[in-house]
Amino acid sequence: MGVLAEKSLDFAVRIVKFYKYLCDEKKEYVLSKQILRSGTSIGANIRESKNAQSSADFTSKLNIALKEADETEYWLEVLTKSEIINPPQVEKLTADLKEIIAMLVSSIKTCKENHNPR
């Protein structure tokens, strides 16, 4: 398993734990489901990309993962700005998510460069 796949799997596990915290401690059930879905979907799409049928399919899966990562970042912002959670509670999650996003952007850029030579 590559670094990106490992990081996204670890992130998904932390999102599941965060979801449980939101439900059990904060009694928040709507936004928590949104972040659970998008936060775990990142790694699922990265995992799916390894069985892509073509380079275009591979890039597409990574683009979907990037969209899910961006959505997850959005939900973390909503949870913070609505004061359901405090910024320190999600600092590490946010930092790890930004790292995953940077890796995805880099991977997508490399894929496009390798398959669209000038």
PDB file of N, CA and C in Angstrom:
ATOM      1  N   MET A   1       0.857  -1.179   0.000  1.00  0.00           N
ATOM      2  CA  MET A   1       0.000   0.000   0.000  1.00  0.00           C
ATOM      3  C   MET A   1       0.897   1.234   0.000  1.00  0.00           C
ATOM      4  N   GLY A   2       0.570   2.195  -0.854  1.00  0.00           N
ATOM      5  CA  GLY A   2       1.350   3.419  -0.945  1.00  0.00           C
ATOM      6  C   GLY A   2       1.093   4.359   0.219  1.00  0.00           C
ATOM      7  N   VAL A   3       1.917   5.395   0.295  1.00  0.00           N
ATOM      8  CA  VAL A   3       1.809   6.370   1.387  1.00  0.00           C
ATOM      9  C   VAL A   3       0.444   7.047   1.391  1.00  0.00           C
ATOM     10  N   LEU A   4      -0.017   7.452   0.217  1.00  0.00           N
ATOM     11  CA  LEU A   4      -1.319   8.126   0.128  1.00  0.00           C
ATOM     12  C   LEU A   4      -2.449   7.205   0.584  1.00  0.00           C
ATOM     13  N   ALA A   5      -2.396   5.954   0.173  1.00  0.00           N
ATOM     14  CA  ALA A   5      -3.420   4.986   0.583  1.00  0.00           C
ATOM     15  C   ALA A   5      -3.392   4.769   2.093  1.00  0.00           C
ATOM     16  N   GLU A   6      -2.198   4.667   2.654  1.00  0.00           N
ATOM     17  CA  GLU A   6      -2.079   4.482   4.111  1.00  0.00           C
ATOM     18  C   GLU A   6      -2.597   5.690   4.869  1.00  0.00           C
ATOM     19  N   LYS A   7      -2.201   6.878   4.425  1.00  0.00           N
ATOM     20  CA  LYS A   7      -2.647   8.101   5.101  1.00  0.00           C
ATOM     21  C   LYS A   7      -4.165   8.252   5.026  1.00  0.00           C
ATOM     22  N   SER A   8      -4.738   7.925   3.872  1.00  0.00           N
ATOM     23  CA  SER A   8      -6.189   8.065   3.736  1.00  0.00           C
ATOM     24  C   SER A   8      -6.935   7.021   4.564  1.00  0.00           C
ATOM     25  N   LEU A   9      -6.369   5.824   4.711  1.00  0.00           N
ATOM     26  CA  LEU A   9      -6.984   4.804   5.561  1.00  0.00           C
ATOM     27  C   LEU A   9      -6.935   5.233   7.028  1.00  0.00           C
ATOM     28  N   ASP A  10      -5.770   5.701   7.470  1.00  0.00           N
ATOM     29  CA  ASP A  10      -5.645   6.194   8.846  1.00  0.00           C
ATOM     30  C   ASP A  10      -6.602   7.350   9.099  1.00  0.00           C
ATOM     31  N   PHE A  11      -6.716   8.230   8.109  1.00  0.00           N
ATOM     32  CA  PHE A  11      -7.625   9.370   8.228  1.00  0.00           C
ATOM     33  C   PHE A  11      -9.071   8.882   8.359  1.00  0.00           C
ATOM     34  N   ALA A  12      -9.456   7.902   7.557  1.00  0.00           N
ATOM     35  CA  ALA A  12     -10.818   7.363   7.615  1.00  0.00           C
ATOM     36  C   ALA A  12     -11.131   6.783   8.993  1.00  0.00           C
ATOM     37  N   VAL A  13     -10.175   6.079   9.576  1.00  0.00           N
ATOM     38  CA  VAL A  13     -10.373   5.508  10.912  1.00  0.00           C
ATOM     39  C   VAL A  13     -10.577   6.631  11.927  1.00  0.00           C
ATOM     40  N   ARG A  14      -9.792   7.694  11.810  1.00  0.00           N
ATOM     41  CA  ARG A  14      -9.947   8.827  12.730  1.00  0.00           C
ATOM     42  C   ARG A  14     -11.280   9.535  12.520  1.00  0.00           C
ATOM     43  N   ILE A  15     -11.747   9.585  11.273  1.00  0.00           N
ATOM     44  CA  ILE A  15     -13.052  10.192  10.993  1.00  0.00           C
ATOM     45  C   ILE A  15     -14.168   9.361  11.629  1.00  0.00           C
ATOM     46  N   VAL A  16     -14.057   8.044  11.579  1.00  0.00           N
ATOM     47  CA  VAL A  16     -15.058   7.172  12.214  1.00  0.00           C
ATOM     48  C   VAL A  16     -15.096   7.457  13.718  1.00  0.00           C
ATOM     49  N   LYS A  17     -13.940   7.575  14.334  1.00  0.00           N
ATOM     50  CA  LYS A  17     -13.880   7.881  15.775  1.00  0.00           C
ATOM     51  C   LYS A  17     -14.437   9.271  16.066  1.00  0.00           C
ATOM     52  N   PHE A  18     -14.148  10.219  15.175  1.00  0.00           N
ATOM     53  CA  PHE A  18     -14.668  11.580  15.317  1.00  0.00           C
ATOM     54  C   PHE A  18     -16.197  11.574  15.210  1.00  0.00           C
ATOM     55  N   TYR A  19     -16.712  10.799  14.269  1.00  0.00           N
ATOM     56  CA  TYR A  19     -18.160  10.647  14.103  1.00  0.00           C
ATOM     57  C   TYR A  19     -18.792  10.128  15.397  1.00  0.00           C
ATOM     58  N   LYS A  20     -18.189   9.103  15.974  1.00  0.00           N
ATOM     59  CA  LYS A  20     -18.718   8.537  17.230  1.00  0.00           C
ATOM     60  C   LYS A  20     -18.705   9.589  18.335  1.00  0.00           C
ATOM     61  N   TYR A  21     -17.628  10.368  18.397  1.00  0.00           N
ATOM     62  CA  TYR A  21     -17.528  11.442  19.383  1.00  0.00           C
ATOM     63  C   TYR A  21     -18.651  12.461  19.176  1.00  0.00           C
ATOM     64  N   LEU A  22     -18.849  12.870  17.931  1.00  0.00           N
ATOM     65  CA  LEU A  22     -19.894  13.861  17.644  1.00  0.00           C
ATOM     66  C   LEU A  22     -21.272  13.351  18.050  1.00  0.00           C
ATOM     67  N   CYS A  23     -21.540  12.092  17.784  1.00  0.00           N
ATOM     68  CA  CYS A  23     -22.844  11.517  18.145  1.00  0.00           C
ATOM     69  C   CYS A  23     -22.984  11.325  19.648  1.00  0.00           C
ATOM     70  N   ASP A  24     -21.970  10.736  20.258  1.00  0.00           N
ATOM     71  CA  ASP A  24     -22.056  10.398  21.687  1.00  0.00           C
ATOM     72  C   ASP A  24     -21.940  11.615  22.601  1.00  0.00           C
ATOM     73  N   GLU A  25     -20.978  12.478  22.318  1.00  0.00           N
ATOM     74  CA  GLU A  25     -20.696  13.601  23.229  1.00  0.00           C
ATOM     75  C   GLU A  25     -21.452  14.882  22.866  1.00  0.00           C
ATOM     76  N   LYS A  26     -21.554  15.161  21.597  1.00  0.00           N
ATOM     77  CA  LYS A  26     -22.157  16.421  21.157  1.00  0.00           C
ATOM     78  C   LYS A  26     -23.612  16.262  20.717  1.00  0.00           C
ATOM     79  N   LYS A  27     -24.058  15.021  20.621  1.00  0.00           N
ATOM     80  CA  LYS A  27     -25.439  14.728  20.180  1.00  0.00           C
ATOM     81  C   LYS A  27     -25.727  15.399  18.831  1.00  0.00           C
ATOM     82  N   GLU A  28     -24.740  15.348  17.957  1.00  0.00           N
ATOM     83  CA  GLU A  28     -24.852  15.940  16.625  1.00  0.00           C
ATOM     84  C   GLU A  28     -24.932  14.794  15.621  1.00  0.00           C
ATOM     85  N   TYR A  29     -26.058  14.712  14.904  1.00  0.00           N
ATOM     86  CA  TYR A  29     -26.289  13.548  14.049  1.00  0.00           C
ATOM     87  C   TYR A  29     -26.350  13.865  12.555  1.00  0.00           C
ATOM     88  N   VAL A  30     -26.603  15.098  12.183  1.00  0.00           N
ATOM     89  CA  VAL A  30     -26.752  15.437  10.768  1.00  0.00           C
ATOM     90  C   VAL A  30     -25.395  15.714  10.121  1.00  0.00           C
ATOM     91  N   LEU A  31     -24.675  16.698  10.646  1.00  0.00           N
ATOM     92  CA  LEU A  31     -23.367  17.036  10.088  1.00  0.00           C
ATOM     93  C   LEU A  31     -22.369  15.895  10.275  1.00  0.00           C
ATOM     94  N   SER A  32     -22.529  15.169  11.371  1.00  0.00           N
ATOM     95  CA  SER A  32     -21.608  14.053  11.625  1.00  0.00           C
ATOM     96  C   SER A  32     -21.719  12.984  10.544  1.00  0.00           C
ATOM     97  N   LYS A  33     -22.931  12.754  10.048  1.00  0.00           N
ATOM     98  CA  LYS A  33     -23.107  11.774   8.955  1.00  0.00           C
ATOM     99  C   LYS A  33     -22.452  12.266   7.671  1.00  0.00           C
ATOM    100  N   GLN A  34     -22.540  13.572   7.433  1.00  0.00           N
ATOM    101  CA  GLN A  34     -21.926  14.147   6.236  1.00  0.00           C
ATOM    102  C   GLN A  34     -20.411  13.959   6.258  1.00  0.00           C
ATOM    103  N   ILE A  35     -19.806  14.259   7.392  1.00  0.00           N
ATOM    104  CA  ILE A  35     -18.351  14.154   7.483  1.00  0.00           C
ATOM    105  C   ILE A  35     -17.909  12.694   7.491  1.00  0.00           C
ATOM    106  N   LEU A  36     -18.723  11.818   8.041  1.00  0.00           N
ATOM    107  CA  LEU A  36     -18.413  10.386   8.006  1.00  0.00           C
ATOM    108  C   LEU A  36     -18.389   9.896   6.562  1.00  0.00           C
ATOM    109  N   ARG A  37     -19.392  10.286   5.782  1.00  0.00           N
ATOM    110  CA  ARG A  37     -19.491   9.841   4.402  1.00  0.00           C
ATOM    111  C   ARG A  37     -18.326  10.372   3.558  1.00  0.00           C
ATOM    112  N   SER A  38     -18.107  11.676   3.609  1.00  0.00           N
ATOM    113  CA  SER A  38     -17.059  12.250   2.758  1.00  0.00           C
ATOM    114  C   SER A  38     -15.663  11.874   3.247  1.00  0.00           C
ATOM    115  N   GLY A  39     -15.470  11.840   4.554  1.00  0.00           N
ATOM    116  CA  GLY A  39     -14.145  11.538   5.113  1.00  0.00           C
ATOM    117  C   GLY A  39     -13.679  10.116   4.873  1.00  0.00           C
ATOM    118  N   THR A  40     -14.615   9.182   4.822  1.00  0.00           N
ATOM    119  CA  THR A  40     -14.238   7.792   4.544  1.00  0.00           C
ATOM    120  C   THR A  40     -14.190   7.517   3.047  1.00  0.00           C
ATOM    121  N   SER A  41     -14.877   8.326   2.274  1.00  0.00           N
ATOM    122  CA  SER A  41     -14.901   8.155   0.821  1.00  0.00           C
ATOM    123  C   SER A  41     -13.554   8.488   0.173  1.00  0.00           C
ATOM    124  N   ILE A  42     -12.779   9.336   0.808  1.00  0.00           N
ATOM    125  CA  ILE A  42     -11.467   9.710   0.256  1.00  0.00           C
ATOM    126  C   ILE A  42     -10.627   8.454   0.029  1.00  0.00           C
ATOM    127  N   GLY A  43     -10.435   7.702   1.083  1.00  0.00           N
ATOM    128  CA  GLY A  43      -9.626   6.490   1.004  1.00  0.00           C
ATOM    129  C   GLY A  43     -10.238   5.417   0.135  1.00  0.00           C
ATOM    130  N   ALA A  44     -11.571   5.337   0.131  1.00  0.00           N
ATOM    131  CA  ALA A  44     -12.240   4.336  -0.704  1.00  0.00           C
ATOM    132  C   ALA A  44     -11.955   4.596  -2.182  1.00  0.00           C
ATOM    133  N   ASN A  45     -11.968   5.849  -2.580  1.00  0.00           N
ATOM    134  CA  ASN A  45     -11.687   6.179  -3.979  1.00  0.00           C
ATOM    135  C   ASN A  45     -10.215   6.004  -4.324  1.00  0.00           C
ATOM    136  N   ILE A  46      -9.339   6.298  -3.388  1.00  0.00           N
ATOM    137  CA  ILE A  46      -7.913   6.056  -3.609  1.00  0.00           C
ATOM    138  C   ILE A  46      -7.677   4.554  -3.759  1.00  0.00           C
ATOM    139  N   ARG A  47      -8.308   3.764  -2.917  1.00  0.00           N
ATOM    140  CA  ARG A  47      -8.183   2.309  -3.002  1.00  0.00           C
ATOM    141  C   ARG A  47      -8.719   1.812  -4.341  1.00  0.00           C
ATOM    142  N   GLU A  48      -9.859   2.365  -4.765  1.00  0.00           N
ATOM    143  CA  GLU A  48     -10.455   1.974  -6.033  1.00  0.00           C
ATOM    144  C   GLU A  48      -9.543   2.295  -7.215  1.00  0.00           C
ATOM    145  N   SER A  49      -8.777   3.358  -7.095  1.00  0.00           N
ATOM    146  CA  SER A  49      -7.918   3.790  -8.204  1.00  0.00           C
ATOM    147  C   SER A  49      -6.861   2.751  -8.555  1.00  0.00           C
ATOM    148  N   LYS A  50      -6.481   1.924  -7.610  1.00  0.00           N
ATOM    149  CA  LYS A  50      -5.435   0.930  -7.905  1.00  0.00           C
ATOM    150  C   LYS A  50      -5.920  -0.153  -8.868  1.00  0.00           C
ATOM    151  N   ASN A  51      -7.223  -0.277  -9.022  1.00  0.00           N
ATOM    152  CA  ASN A  51      -7.794  -1.236  -9.968  1.00  0.00           C
ATOM    153  C   ASN A  51      -8.425  -0.531 -11.167  1.00  0.00           C
ATOM    154  N   ALA A  52      -7.944   0.662 -11.443  1.00  0.00           N
ATOM    155  CA  ALA A  52      -8.496   1.436 -12.557  1.00  0.00           C
ATOM    156  C   ALA A  52      -8.281   0.703 -13.874  1.00  0.00           C
ATOM    157  N   GLN A  53      -9.228   0.899 -14.776  1.00  0.00           N
ATOM    158  CA  GLN A  53      -9.176   0.228 -16.070  1.00  0.00           C
ATOM    159  C   GLN A  53      -8.300   0.960 -17.079  1.00  0.00           C
ATOM    160  N   SER A  54      -7.991   2.213 -16.800  1.00  0.00           N
ATOM    161  CA  SER A  54      -7.151   3.008 -17.690  1.00  0.00           C
ATOM    162  C   SER A  54      -6.538   4.155 -16.891  1.00  0.00           C
ATOM    163  N   SER A  55      -5.623   4.863 -17.516  1.00  0.00           N
ATOM    164  CA  SER A  55      -5.028   6.009 -16.824  1.00  0.00           C
ATOM    165  C   SER A  55      -6.084   7.098 -16.600  1.00  0.00           C
ATOM    166  N   ALA A  56      -7.022   7.226 -17.532  1.00  0.00           N
ATOM    167  CA  ALA A  56      -8.100   8.203 -17.360  1.00  0.00           C
ATOM    168  C   ALA A  56      -8.997   7.815 -16.175  1.00  0.00           C
ATOM    169  N   ASP A  57      -9.271   6.539 -16.030  1.00  0.00           N
ATOM    170  CA  ASP A  57     -10.070   6.042 -14.910  1.00  0.00           C
ATOM    171  C   ASP A  57      -9.323   6.269 -13.593  1.00  0.00           C
ATOM    172  N   PHE A  58      -8.017   6.013 -13.599  1.00  0.00           N
ATOM    173  CA  PHE A  58      -7.173   6.232 -12.418  1.00  0.00           C
ATOM    174  C   PHE A  58      -7.245   7.697 -11.987  1.00  0.00           C
ATOM    175  N   THR A  59      -7.049   8.594 -12.943  1.00  0.00           N
ATOM    176  CA  THR A  59      -7.085  10.027 -12.644  1.00  0.00           C
ATOM    177  C   THR A  59      -8.476  10.442 -12.161  1.00  0.00           C
ATOM    178  N   SER A  60      -9.499   9.874 -12.750  1.00  0.00           N
ATOM    179  CA  SER A  60     -10.872  10.178 -12.351  1.00  0.00           C
ATOM    180  C   SER A  60     -11.118   9.802 -10.893  1.00  0.00           C
ATOM    181  N   LYS A  61     -10.654   8.626 -10.493  1.00  0.00           N
ATOM    182  CA  LYS A  61     -10.831   8.175  -9.096  1.00  0.00           C
ATOM    183  C   LYS A  61     -10.114   9.126  -8.133  1.00  0.00           C
ATOM    184  N   LEU A  62      -8.896   9.556  -8.523  1.00  0.00           N
ATOM    185  CA  LEU A  62      -8.156  10.490  -7.665  1.00  0.00           C
ATOM    186  C   LEU A  62      -8.867  11.840  -7.600  1.00  0.00           C
ATOM    187  N   ASN A  63      -9.463  12.264  -8.705  1.00  0.00           N
ATOM    188  CA  ASN A  63     -10.228  13.517  -8.700  1.00  0.00           C
ATOM    189  C   ASN A  63     -11.446  13.419  -7.792  1.00  0.00           C
ATOM    190  N   ILE A  64     -12.100  12.273  -7.790  1.00  0.00           N
ATOM    191  CA  ILE A  64     -13.247  12.075  -6.888  1.00  0.00           C
ATOM    192  C   ILE A  64     -12.772  12.126  -5.436  1.00  0.00           C
ATOM    193  N   ALA A  65     -11.643  11.484  -5.154  1.00  0.00           N
ATOM    194  CA  ALA A  65     -11.078  11.519  -3.802  1.00  0.00           C
ATOM    195  C   ALA A  65     -10.775  12.956  -3.388  1.00  0.00           C
ATOM    196  N   LEU A  66     -10.247  13.746  -4.321  1.00  0.00           N
ATOM    197  CA  LEU A  66      -9.943  15.150  -4.034  1.00  0.00           C
ATOM    198  C   LEU A  66     -11.217  15.933  -3.730  1.00  0.00           C
ATOM    199  N   LYS A  67     -12.280  15.692  -4.484  1.00  0.00           N
ATOM    200  CA  LYS A  67     -13.560  16.360  -4.221  1.00  0.00           C
ATOM    201  C   LYS A  67     -14.094  15.986  -2.848  1.00  0.00           C
ATOM    202  N   GLU A  68     -13.980  14.719  -2.483  1.00  0.00           N
ATOM    203  CA  GLU A  68     -14.443  14.262  -1.166  1.00  0.00           C
ATOM    204  C   GLU A  68     -13.598  14.894  -0.051  1.00  0.00           C
ATOM    205  N   ALA A  69     -12.311  15.035  -0.301  1.00  0.00           N
ATOM    206  CA  ALA A  69     -11.427  15.664   0.690  1.00  0.00           C
ATOM    207  C   ALA A  69     -11.816  17.130   0.888  1.00  0.00           C
ATOM    208  N   ASP A  70     -12.097  17.812  -0.213  1.00  0.00           N
ATOM    209  CA  ASP A  70     -12.512  19.205  -0.131  1.00  0.00           C
ATOM    210  C   ASP A  70     -13.837  19.330   0.625  1.00  0.00           C
ATOM    211  N   GLU A  71     -14.757  18.393   0.364  1.00  0.00           N
ATOM    212  CA  GLU A  71     -16.033  18.409   1.081  1.00  0.00           C
ATOM    213  C   GLU A  71     -15.822  18.160   2.574  1.00  0.00           C
ATOM    214  N   THR A  72     -14.926  17.254   2.900  1.00  0.00           N
ATOM    215  CA  THR A  72     -14.629  16.967   4.311  1.00  0.00           C
ATOM    216  C   THR A  72     -14.085  18.209   4.999  1.00  0.00           C
ATOM    217  N   GLU A  73     -13.209  18.917   4.301  1.00  0.00           N
ATOM    218  CA  GLU A  73     -12.663  20.164   4.852  1.00  0.00           C
ATOM    219  C   GLU A  73     -13.793  21.168   5.112  1.00  0.00           C
ATOM    220  N   TYR A  74     -14.740  21.223   4.203  1.00  0.00           N
ATOM    221  CA  TYR A  74     -15.899  22.102   4.361  1.00  0.00           C
ATOM    222  C   TYR A  74     -16.681  21.758   5.638  1.00  0.00           C
ATOM    223  N   TRP A  75     -16.964  20.467   5.846  1.00  0.00           N
ATOM    224  CA  TRP A  75     -17.737  20.072   7.022  1.00  0.00           C
ATOM    225  C   TRP A  75     -16.976  20.372   8.309  1.00  0.00           C
ATOM    226  N   LEU A  76     -15.661  20.209   8.298  1.00  0.00           N
ATOM    227  CA  LEU A  76     -14.867  20.571   9.480  1.00  0.00           C
ATOM    228  C   LEU A  76     -14.995  22.066   9.767  1.00  0.00           C
ATOM    229  N   GLU A  77     -15.002  22.873   8.723  1.00  0.00           N
ATOM    230  CA  GLU A  77     -15.175  24.321   8.883  1.00  0.00           C
ATOM    231  C   GLU A  77     -16.561  24.648   9.428  1.00  0.00           C
ATOM    232  N   VAL A  78     -17.591  23.983   8.915  1.00  0.00           N
ATOM    233  CA  VAL A  78     -18.953  24.224   9.392  1.00  0.00           C
ATOM    234  C   VAL A  78     -19.070  23.854  10.870  1.00  0.00           C
ATOM    235  N   LEU A  79     -18.539  22.702  11.235  1.00  0.00           N
ATOM    236  CA  LEU A  79     -18.590  22.265  12.636  1.00  0.00           C
ATOM    237  C   LEU A  79     -17.869  23.243  13.554  1.00  0.00           C
ATOM    238  N   THR A  80     -16.770  23.804  13.067  1.00  0.00           N
ATOM    239  CA  THR A  80     -15.994  24.762  13.866  1.00  0.00           C
ATOM    240  C   THR A  80     -16.701  26.107  13.948  1.00  0.00           C
ATOM    241  N   LYS A  81     -17.117  26.634  12.806  1.00  0.00           N
ATOM    242  CA  LYS A  81     -17.742  27.965  12.785  1.00  0.00           C
ATOM    243  C   LYS A  81     -19.102  27.981  13.472  1.00  0.00           C
ATOM    244  N   SER A  82     -19.773  26.843  13.521  1.00  0.00           N
ATOM    245  CA  SER A  82     -21.055  26.773  14.226  1.00  0.00           C
ATOM    246  C   SER A  82     -20.856  26.473  15.713  1.00  0.00           C
ATOM    247  N   GLU A  83     -19.609  26.379  16.119  1.00  0.00           N
ATOM    248  CA  GLU A  83     -19.206  26.182  17.517  1.00  0.00           C
ATOM    249  C   GLU A  83     -19.686  24.858  18.097  1.00  0.00           C
ATOM    250  N   ILE A  84     -19.863  23.876  17.249  1.00  0.00           N
ATOM    251  CA  ILE A  84     -20.170  22.527  17.735  1.00  0.00           C
ATOM    252  C   ILE A  84     -18.890  21.906  18.285  1.00  0.00           C
ATOM    253  N   ILE A  85     -17.784  22.223  17.637  1.00  0.00           N
ATOM    254  CA  ILE A  85     -16.464  21.797  18.122  1.00  0.00           C
ATOM    255  C   ILE A  85     -15.547  23.018  18.182  1.00  0.00           C
ATOM    256  N   ASN A  86     -14.476  22.899  18.938  1.00  0.00           N
ATOM    257  CA  ASN A  86     -13.488  23.963  19.044  1.00  0.00           C
ATOM    258  C   ASN A  86     -12.358  23.693  18.050  1.00  0.00           C
ATOM    259  N   PRO A  87     -11.761  24.755  17.489  1.00  0.00           N
ATOM    260  CA  PRO A  87     -10.667  24.548  16.531  1.00  0.00           C
ATOM    261  C   PRO A  87      -9.573  23.579  16.998  1.00  0.00           C
ATOM    262  N   PRO A  88      -9.142  23.628  18.267  1.00  0.00           N
ATOM    263  CA  PRO A  88      -8.096  22.680  18.675  1.00  0.00           C
ATOM    264  C   PRO A  88      -8.509  21.208  18.553  1.00  0.00           C
ATOM    265  N   GLN A  89      -9.814  20.942  18.603  1.00  0.00           N
ATOM    266  CA  GLN A  89     -10.295  19.564  18.506  1.00  0.00           C
ATOM    267  C   GLN A  89     -10.068  18.959  17.126  1.00  0.00           C
ATOM    268  N   VAL A  90      -9.911  19.801  16.121  1.00  0.00           N
ATOM    269  CA  VAL A  90      -9.754  19.284  14.762  1.00  0.00           C
ATOM    270  C   VAL A  90      -8.460  19.735  14.087  1.00  0.00           C
ATOM    271  N   GLU A  91      -7.544  20.317  14.844  1.00  0.00           N
ATOM    272  CA  GLU A  91      -6.289  20.791  14.247  1.00  0.00           C
ATOM    273  C   GLU A  91      -5.536  19.673  13.536  1.00  0.00           C
ATOM    274  N   LYS A  92      -5.375  18.539  14.195  1.00  0.00           N
ATOM    275  CA  LYS A  92      -4.628  17.422  13.616  1.00  0.00           C
ATOM    276  C   LYS A  92      -5.369  16.832  12.418  1.00  0.00           C
ATOM    277  N   LEU A  93      -6.688  16.681  12.536  1.00  0.00           N
ATOM    278  CA  LEU A  93      -7.484  16.186  11.412  1.00  0.00           C
ATOM    279  C   LEU A  93      -7.330  17.115  10.207  1.00  0.00           C
ATOM    280  N   THR A  94      -7.433  18.414  10.451  1.00  0.00           N
ATOM    281  CA  THR A  94      -7.323  19.395   9.374  1.00  0.00           C
ATOM    282  C   THR A  94      -5.935  19.370   8.747  1.00  0.00           C
ATOM    283  N   ALA A  95      -4.905  19.283   9.564  1.00  0.00           N
ATOM    284  CA  ALA A  95      -3.535  19.236   9.046  1.00  0.00           C
ATOM    285  C   ALA A  95      -3.316  17.988   8.191  1.00  0.00           C
ATOM    286  N   ASP A  96      -3.806  16.853   8.670  1.00  0.00           N
ATOM    287  CA  ASP A  96      -3.659  15.608   7.909  1.00  0.00           C
ATOM    288  C   ASP A  96      -4.461  15.667   6.613  1.00  0.00           C
ATOM    289  N   LEU A  97      -5.634  16.264   6.675  1.00  0.00           N
ATOM    290  CA  LEU A  97      -6.464  16.393   5.483  1.00  0.00           C
ATOM    291  C   LEU A  97      -5.775  17.277   4.446  1.00  0.00           C
ATOM    292  N   LYS A  98      -5.181  18.371   4.890  1.00  0.00           N
ATOM    293  CA  LYS A  98      -4.464  19.256   3.959  1.00  0.00           C
ATOM    294  C   LYS A  98      -3.293  18.522   3.311  1.00  0.00           C
ATOM    295  N   GLU A  99      -2.632  17.654   4.069  1.00  0.00           N
ATOM    296  CA  GLU A  99      -1.531  16.863   3.512  1.00  0.00           C
ATOM    297  C   GLU A  99      -2.058  15.881   2.449  1.00  0.00           C
ATOM    298  N   ILE A 100      -3.174  15.247   2.734  1.00  0.00           N
ATOM    299  CA  ILE A 100      -3.784  14.320   1.768  1.00  0.00           C
ATOM    300  C   ILE A 100      -4.193  15.082   0.509  1.00  0.00           C
ATOM    301  N   ILE A 101      -4.783  16.259   0.676  1.00  0.00           N
ATOM    302  CA  ILE A 101      -5.182  17.073  -0.474  1.00  0.00           C
ATOM    303  C   ILE A 101      -3.959  17.436  -1.316  1.00  0.00           C
ATOM    304  N   ALA A 102      -2.878  17.848  -0.673  1.00  0.00           N
ATOM    305  CA  ALA A 102      -1.657  18.201  -1.405  1.00  0.00           C
ATOM    306  C   ALA A 102      -1.109  17.004  -2.174  1.00  0.00           C
ATOM    307  N   MET A 103      -1.147  15.835  -1.556  1.00  0.00           N
ATOM    308  CA  MET A 103      -0.672  14.617  -2.224  1.00  0.00           C
ATOM    309  C   MET A 103      -1.561  14.258  -3.415  1.00  0.00           C
ATOM    310  N   LEU A 104      -2.860  14.415  -3.249  1.00  0.00           N
ATOM    311  CA  LEU A 104      -3.786  14.126  -4.343  1.00  0.00           C
ATOM    312  C   LEU A 104      -3.568  15.095  -5.516  1.00  0.00           C
ATOM    313  N   VAL A 105      -3.436  16.373  -5.207  1.00  0.00           N
ATOM    314  CA  VAL A 105      -3.207  17.374  -6.251  1.00  0.00           C
ATOM    315  C   VAL A 105      -1.928  17.053  -7.011  1.00  0.00           C
ATOM    316  N   SER A 106      -0.893  16.711  -6.277  1.00  0.00           N
ATOM    317  CA  SER A 106       0.393  16.368  -6.903  1.00  0.00           C
ATOM    318  C   SER A 106       0.262  15.120  -7.774  1.00  0.00           C
ATOM    319  N   SER A 107      -0.416  14.111  -7.271  1.00  0.00           N
ATOM    320  CA  SER A 107      -0.602  12.865  -8.027  1.00  0.00           C
ATOM    321  C   SER A 107      -1.410  13.094  -9.300  1.00  0.00           C
ATOM    322  N   ILE A 108      -2.462  13.879  -9.191  1.00  0.00           N
ATOM    323  CA  ILE A 108      -3.304  14.175 -10.352  1.00  0.00           C
ATOM    324  C   ILE A 108      -2.502  14.954 -11.392  1.00  0.00           C
ATOM    325  N   LYS A 109      -1.738  15.926 -10.922  1.00  0.00           N
ATOM    326  CA  LYS A 109      -0.913  16.725 -11.835  1.00  0.00           C
ATOM    327  C   LYS A 109       0.092  15.829 -12.562  1.00  0.00           C
ATOM    328  N   THR A 110       0.741  14.939 -11.831  1.00  0.00           N
ATOM    329  CA  THR A 110       1.710  14.016 -12.435  1.00  0.00           C
ATOM    330  C   THR A 110       1.047  13.106 -13.466  1.00  0.00           C
ATOM    331  N   CYS A 111      -0.137  12.588 -13.122  1.00  0.00           N
ATOM    332  CA  CYS A 111      -0.879  11.734 -14.056  1.00  0.00           C
ATOM    333  C   CYS A 111      -1.183  12.480 -15.348  1.00  0.00           C
ATOM    334  N   LYS A 112      -1.651  13.696 -15.220  1.00  0.00           N
ATOM    335  CA  LYS A 112      -2.006  14.485 -16.402  1.00  0.00           C
ATOM    336  C   LYS A 112      -0.771  14.781 -17.251  1.00  0.00           C
ATOM    337  N   GLU A 113       0.341  15.100 -16.593  1.00  0.00           N
ATOM    338  CA  GLU A 113       1.575  15.388 -17.320  1.00  0.00           C
ATOM    339  C   GLU A 113       2.087  14.152 -18.044  1.00  0.00           C
ATOM    340  N   ASN A 114       1.998  13.001 -17.416  1.00  0.00           N
ATOM    341  CA  ASN A 114       2.499  11.763 -18.006  1.00  0.00           C
ATOM    342  C   ASN A 114       1.636  11.260 -19.164  1.00  0.00           C
ATOM    343  N   HIS A 115       0.373  11.649 -19.161  1.00  0.00           N
ATOM    344  CA  HIS A 115      -0.532  11.122 -20.186  1.00  0.00           C
ATOM    345  C   HIS A 115      -0.948  12.162 -21.215  1.00  0.00           C
ATOM    346  N   ASN A 116      -0.443  13.364 -21.056  1.00  0.00           N
ATOM    347  CA  ASN A 116      -0.708  14.432 -22.021  1.00  0.00           C
ATOM    348  C   ASN A 116       0.611  15.120 -22.384  1.00  0.00           C
ATOM    349  N   PRO A 117       1.541  14.412 -22.984  1.00  0.00           N
ATOM    350  CA  PRO A 117       2.819  15.029 -23.316  1.00  0.00           C
ATOM    351  C   PRO A 117       2.623  16.135 -24.345  1.00  0.00           C
ATOM    352  N   ARG A 118       3.449  17.145 -24.231  1.00  0.00           N
ATOM    353  CA  ARG A 118       3.334  18.303 -25.144  1.00  0.00           C
ATOM    354  C   ARG A 118       4.167  18.115 -26.354  1.00  0.00           C
TER     355      ARG A 118
END
